C-alpha atoms as a PDB file:
ATOM      1  CA  UNK A   1     -10.370   7.787 -54.292  1.00  0.00           C
ATOM      2  CA  UNK A   2      -6.875   9.148 -54.726  1.00  0.00           C
ATOM      3  CA  UNK A   3      -7.235  11.890 -52.141  1.00  0.00           C
ATOM      4  CA  UNK A   4      -7.225  14.567 -54.826  1.00  0.00           C
ATOM      5  CA  UNK A   5      -9.663  17.368 -54.054  1.00  0.00           C
ATOM      6  CA  UNK A   6     -10.801  19.158 -57.192  1.00  0.00           C
ATOM      7  CA  UNK A   7     -12.183  22.011 -55.082  1.00  0.00           C
ATOM      8  CA  UNK A   8      -8.814  22.558 -53.419  1.00  0.00           C
ATOM      9  CA  UNK A   9      -7.036  22.419 -56.761  1.00  0.00           C
ATOM     10  CA  UNK A  10      -9.342  24.979 -58.342  1.00  0.00           C
ATOM     11  CA  UNK A  11      -9.101  27.427 -55.427  1.00  0.00           C
ATOM     12  CA  UNK A  12      -5.306  27.168 -55.308  1.00  0.00           C
ATOM     13  CA  UNK A  13      -5.076  27.569 -59.098  1.00  0.00           C
ATOM     14  CA  UNK A  14      -7.227  30.701 -58.975  1.00  0.00           C
ATOM     15  CA  UNK A  15      -5.181  32.156 -56.126  1.00  0.00           C
ATOM     16  CA  UNK A  16      -1.989  31.447 -58.010  1.00  0.00           C
ATOM     17  CA  UNK A  17      -3.312  33.362 -61.002  1.00  0.00           C
ATOM     18  CA  UNK A  18      -4.381  36.429 -58.978  1.00  0.00           C
ATOM     19  CA  UNK A  19      -1.390  38.577 -59.749  1.00  0.00           C
ATOM     20  CA  UNK A  20      -1.970  39.502 -63.396  1.00  0.00           C
ATOM     21  CA  UNK A  21      -1.898  35.906 -64.535  1.00  0.00           C
ATOM     22  CA  UNK A  22       1.489  35.221 -62.980  1.00  0.00           C
ATOM     23  CA  UNK A  23       2.237  32.319 -60.718  1.00  0.00           C
ATOM     24  CA  UNK A  24       3.051  33.283 -57.131  1.00  0.00           C
ATOM     25  CA  UNK A  25       6.706  32.141 -57.336  1.00  0.00           C
ATOM     26  CA  UNK A  26       7.153  34.156 -60.512  1.00  0.00           C
ATOM     27  CA  UNK A  27       5.447  37.143 -58.938  1.00  0.00           C
ATOM     28  CA  UNK A  28       7.717  36.806 -55.913  1.00  0.00           C
ATOM     29  CA  UNK A  29      10.703  36.692 -58.254  1.00  0.00           C
ATOM     30  CA  UNK A  30       9.513  39.857 -59.961  1.00  0.00           C
ATOM     31  CA  UNK A  31       9.312  41.676 -56.619  1.00  0.00           C
ATOM     32  CA  UNK A  32      12.287  40.447 -54.639  1.00  0.00           C
ATOM     33  CA  UNK A  33      16.014  40.868 -55.248  1.00  0.00           C
ATOM     34  CA  UNK A  34      18.199  39.857 -57.019  1.00  0.00           C
ATOM     35  CA  UNK A  35      15.728  39.433 -59.882  1.00  0.00           C
ATOM     36  CA  UNK A  36      13.196  42.105 -58.882  1.00  0.00           C
ATOM     37  CA  UNK A  37      12.543  43.100 -62.470  1.00  0.00           C
ATOM     38  CA  UNK A  38       9.259  44.833 -61.643  1.00  0.00           C
ATOM     39  CA  UNK A  39      11.031  47.056 -59.124  1.00  0.00           C
ATOM     40  CA  UNK A  40      13.752  47.949 -61.625  1.00  0.00           C
ATOM     41  CA  UNK A  41      11.094  48.839 -64.216  1.00  0.00           C
ATOM     42  CA  UNK A  42       9.361  51.106 -61.711  1.00  0.00           C
ATOM     43  CA  UNK A  43      12.679  52.810 -60.947  1.00  0.00           C
ATOM     44  CA  UNK A  44      13.440  53.279 -64.647  1.00  0.00           C
ATOM     45  CA  UNK A  45      10.066  54.899 -65.331  1.00  0.00           C
ATOM     46  CA  UNK A  46      10.257  57.382 -62.451  1.00  0.00           C
ATOM     47  CA  UNK A  47      11.446  60.882 -63.140  1.00  0.00           C
ATOM     48  CA  UNK A  48      14.570  61.987 -61.280  1.00  0.00           C
ATOM     49  CA  UNK A  49      12.645  64.763 -59.564  1.00  0.00           C
ATOM     50  CA  UNK A  50      10.898  62.282 -57.240  1.00  0.00           C
ATOM     51  CA  UNK A  51      14.203  61.202 -55.629  1.00  0.00           C
ATOM     52  CA  UNK A  52      12.932  57.700 -54.898  1.00  0.00           C
ATOM     53  CA  UNK A  53      15.729  55.198 -54.480  1.00  0.00           C
ATOM     54  CA  UNK A  54      15.707  51.578 -55.516  1.00  0.00           C
ATOM     55  CA  UNK A  55      15.866  50.691 -51.815  1.00  0.00           C
ATOM     56  CA  UNK A  56      12.575  52.558 -51.246  1.00  0.00           C
ATOM     57  CA  UNK A  57      10.908  50.606 -54.047  1.00  0.00           C
ATOM     58  CA  UNK A  58      12.100  47.235 -52.725  1.00  0.00           C
ATOM     59  CA  UNK A  59      11.057  48.256 -49.201  1.00  0.00           C
ATOM     60  CA  UNK A  60       7.574  49.034 -50.513  1.00  0.00           C
ATOM     61  CA  UNK A  61       7.338  45.701 -52.338  1.00  0.00           C
ATOM     62  CA  UNK A  62       8.501  43.667 -49.333  1.00  0.00           C
ATOM     63  CA  UNK A  63       5.128  43.589 -47.484  1.00  0.00           C
ATOM     64  CA  UNK A  64       3.375  42.373 -50.634  1.00  0.00           C
ATOM     65  CA  UNK A  65       5.921  39.579 -51.051  1.00  0.00           C
ATOM     66  CA  UNK A  66       5.489  38.546 -47.411  1.00  0.00           C
ATOM     67  CA  UNK A  67       1.690  38.459 -47.770  1.00  0.00           C
ATOM     68  CA  UNK A  68       1.884  36.382 -50.970  1.00  0.00           C
ATOM     69  CA  UNK A  69       4.254  33.918 -49.302  1.00  0.00           C
ATOM     70  CA  UNK A  70       2.047  33.708 -46.190  1.00  0.00           C
ATOM     71  CA  UNK A  71      -1.063  32.942 -48.263  1.00  0.00           C
ATOM     72  CA  UNK A  72       0.795  30.234 -50.154  1.00  0.00           C
ATOM     73  CA  UNK A  73       2.103  28.663 -46.925  1.00  0.00           C
ATOM     74  CA  UNK A  74      -1.347  28.774 -45.301  1.00  0.00           C
ATOM     75  CA  UNK A  75      -2.960  27.067 -48.269  1.00  0.00           C
ATOM     76  CA  UNK A  76      -0.339  24.352 -48.300  1.00  0.00           C
ATOM     77  CA  UNK A  77      -0.471  23.830 -44.531  1.00  0.00           C
ATOM     78  CA  UNK A  78      -4.263  24.003 -44.162  1.00  0.00           C
ATOM     79  CA  UNK A  79      -5.970  22.973 -47.402  1.00  0.00           C
ATOM     80  CA  UNK A  80      -9.367  23.030 -45.716  1.00  0.00           C
ATOM     81  CA  UNK A  81      -9.195  26.855 -45.712  1.00  0.00           C
ATOM     82  CA  UNK A  82      -9.685  26.865 -49.443  1.00  0.00           C
ATOM     83  CA  UNK A  83     -12.593  24.438 -49.230  1.00  0.00           C
ATOM     84  CA  UNK A  84     -14.713  26.357 -46.728  1.00  0.00           C
ATOM     85  CA  UNK A  85     -17.022  27.833 -49.362  1.00  0.00           C
ATOM     86  CA  UNK A  86     -17.080  24.801 -51.632  1.00  0.00           C
END
């Protein structure tokens, strides 16, 4: 036994692929500055009549980034969470 849990690996791999097939670090990079490409794309596609600033878009993406980071930290700190249903 090497201590490798296949159940833990599969649950973590599935959770990493949740966000449109992107890994969580990549998804965090797409949402957070300075490389928040997804936020810049949203800003570029909005019409000027909405008057939504780039700050508003990053402020809206911040809670999602915090939740993604918290889930990743919880799974690393407590691997048994992912094995409850296995």
